[in-house]
């Protein structure tokens, strides 16, 4: 099961430029890693104050992955 759609919906609802959201997914032996790229203006909104927003996103995605007996990680790509 891919959690990309869930993550995509979460990220797009937070940012001002949803058309610039890009999510790449890697799968390796039961572990999914999502690399999220957003507009430079929206990076702060996705990370949140003290990293609270991205921490919450990671928690939700990890909980969905745990139901499928997998691990999932979300990484925000900054340039």
C-alpha atoms as a PDB file:
ATOM      1  CA  UNK A   1       0.000   0.000   0.000  1.00  0.00           C
ATOM      2  CA  UNK A   2       1.272   3.442  -0.859  1.00  0.00           C
ATOM      3  CA  UNK A   3       0.653   6.341   1.495  1.00  0.00           C
ATOM      4  CA  UNK A   4       1.627   8.881  -1.125  1.00  0.00           C
ATOM      5  CA  UNK A   5      -1.941  10.071  -1.690  1.00  0.00           C
ATOM      6  CA  UNK A   6      -2.488  10.702   2.033  1.00  0.00           C
ATOM      7  CA  UNK A   7       0.804  12.562   2.317  1.00  0.00           C
ATOM      8  CA  UNK A   8       0.104  14.512  -0.874  1.00  0.00           C
ATOM      9  CA  UNK A   9      -3.291  15.661   0.440  1.00  0.00           C
ATOM     10  CA  UNK A  10      -1.805  16.680   3.799  1.00  0.00           C
ATOM     11  CA  UNK A  11       1.029  18.689   2.266  1.00  0.00           C
ATOM     12  CA  UNK A  12      -1.116  20.369  -0.413  1.00  0.00           C
ATOM     13  CA  UNK A  13      -3.614  21.528   2.212  1.00  0.00           C
ATOM     14  CA  UNK A  14      -0.839  23.346   4.099  1.00  0.00           C
ATOM     15  CA  UNK A  15       0.986  25.239   1.364  1.00  0.00           C
ATOM     16  CA  UNK A  16       0.199  28.349  -0.682  1.00  0.00           C
ATOM     17  CA  UNK A  17       1.592  26.822  -3.896  1.00  0.00           C
ATOM     18  CA  UNK A  18       0.119  23.296  -4.110  1.00  0.00           C
ATOM     19  CA  UNK A  19       1.135  22.965  -7.762  1.00  0.00           C
ATOM     20  CA  UNK A  20       4.817  22.989  -6.719  1.00  0.00           C
ATOM     21  CA  UNK A  21       4.527  20.020  -4.348  1.00  0.00           C
ATOM     22  CA  UNK A  22       6.567  17.005  -5.446  1.00  0.00           C
ATOM     23  CA  UNK A  23       6.746  13.736  -3.545  1.00  0.00           C
ATOM     24  CA  UNK A  24       9.171  10.958  -4.403  1.00  0.00           C
ATOM     25  CA  UNK A  25       8.775   7.547  -2.811  1.00  0.00           C
ATOM     26  CA  UNK A  26      11.429   4.891  -2.233  1.00  0.00           C
ATOM     27  CA  UNK A  27      10.618   1.395  -0.995  1.00  0.00           C
ATOM     28  CA  UNK A  28      13.216  -0.950   0.434  1.00  0.00           C
ATOM     29  CA  UNK A  29      12.449  -4.130   2.409  1.00  0.00           C
ATOM     30  CA  UNK A  30       9.343  -2.981   4.280  1.00  0.00           C
ATOM     31  CA  UNK A  31      10.401   0.642   4.671  1.00  0.00           C
ATOM     32  CA  UNK A  32       9.000   3.523   2.663  1.00  0.00           C
ATOM     33  CA  UNK A  33      10.772   6.866   2.523  1.00  0.00           C
ATOM     34  CA  UNK A  34       8.998   9.920   1.134  1.00  0.00           C
ATOM     35  CA  UNK A  35      11.026  12.895  -0.055  1.00  0.00           C
ATOM     36  CA  UNK A  36       8.823  16.007  -0.092  1.00  0.00           C
ATOM     37  CA  UNK A  37       9.784  19.086  -2.118  1.00  0.00           C
ATOM     38  CA  UNK A  38       7.794  22.313  -1.866  1.00  0.00           C
ATOM     39  CA  UNK A  39       8.241  25.921  -2.902  1.00  0.00           C
ATOM     40  CA  UNK A  40      10.961  27.722  -0.914  1.00  0.00           C
ATOM     41  CA  UNK A  41       8.255  30.055   0.423  1.00  0.00           C
ATOM     42  CA  UNK A  42       6.293  27.094   1.828  1.00  0.00           C
ATOM     43  CA  UNK A  43       9.078  25.182   3.573  1.00  0.00           C
ATOM     44  CA  UNK A  44       8.422  26.994   6.858  1.00  0.00           C
ATOM     45  CA  UNK A  45       4.729  26.144   6.734  1.00  0.00           C
ATOM     46  CA  UNK A  46       5.439  22.454   6.218  1.00  0.00           C
ATOM     47  CA  UNK A  47       8.068  22.292   8.970  1.00  0.00           C
ATOM     48  CA  UNK A  48       6.148  24.492  11.403  1.00  0.00           C
ATOM     49  CA  UNK A  49       7.258  26.165  14.584  1.00  0.00           C
ATOM     50  CA  UNK A  50       9.886  23.978  16.271  1.00  0.00           C
ATOM     51  CA  UNK A  51       9.109  21.256  13.717  1.00  0.00           C
ATOM     52  CA  UNK A  52       5.646  20.542  15.115  1.00  0.00           C
ATOM     53  CA  UNK A  53       3.826  20.349  11.782  1.00  0.00           C
ATOM     54  CA  UNK A  54       6.273  17.970  10.109  1.00  0.00           C
ATOM     55  CA  UNK A  55       6.375  15.902  13.296  1.00  0.00           C
ATOM     56  CA  UNK A  56       2.589  15.536  13.181  1.00  0.00           C
ATOM     57  CA  UNK A  57       2.685  14.578   9.501  1.00  0.00           C
ATOM     58  CA  UNK A  58       5.333  11.962  10.246  1.00  0.00           C
ATOM     59  CA  UNK A  59       3.235  10.581  13.099  1.00  0.00           C
ATOM     60  CA  UNK A  60       0.136  10.164  10.914  1.00  0.00           C
ATOM     61  CA  UNK A  61       2.038   8.533   8.051  1.00  0.00           C
ATOM     62  CA  UNK A  62       3.868   6.215  10.472  1.00  0.00           C
ATOM     63  CA  UNK A  63       0.581   5.185  12.086  1.00  0.00           C
ATOM     64  CA  UNK A  64      -0.912   4.257   8.710  1.00  0.00           C
ATOM     65  CA  UNK A  65       2.243   2.337   7.835  1.00  0.00           C
ATOM     66  CA  UNK A  66       2.176   0.464  11.132  1.00  0.00           C
ATOM     67  CA  UNK A  67      -1.266  -0.917  10.298  1.00  0.00           C
ATOM     68  CA  UNK A  68       0.269  -2.458   7.187  1.00  0.00           C
ATOM     69  CA  UNK A  69       3.261  -3.707   9.231  1.00  0.00           C
ATOM     70  CA  UNK A  70       5.646  -1.354   7.469  1.00  0.00           C
ATOM     71  CA  UNK A  71       7.751   1.618   8.417  1.00  0.00           C
ATOM     72  CA  UNK A  72       7.449   4.996   6.754  1.00  0.00           C
ATOM     73  CA  UNK A  73       9.632   8.074   6.937  1.00  0.00           C
ATOM     74  CA  UNK A  74       8.966  11.587   5.650  1.00  0.00           C
ATOM     75  CA  UNK A  75      11.876  13.845   4.747  1.00  0.00           C
ATOM     76  CA  UNK A  76      11.518  17.461   3.682  1.00  0.00           C
ATOM     77  CA  UNK A  77      13.951  18.319   0.888  1.00  0.00           C
ATOM     78  CA  UNK A  78      15.436  21.799   1.187  1.00  0.00           C
ATOM     79  CA  UNK A  79      17.845  23.251  -1.339  1.00  0.00           C
END
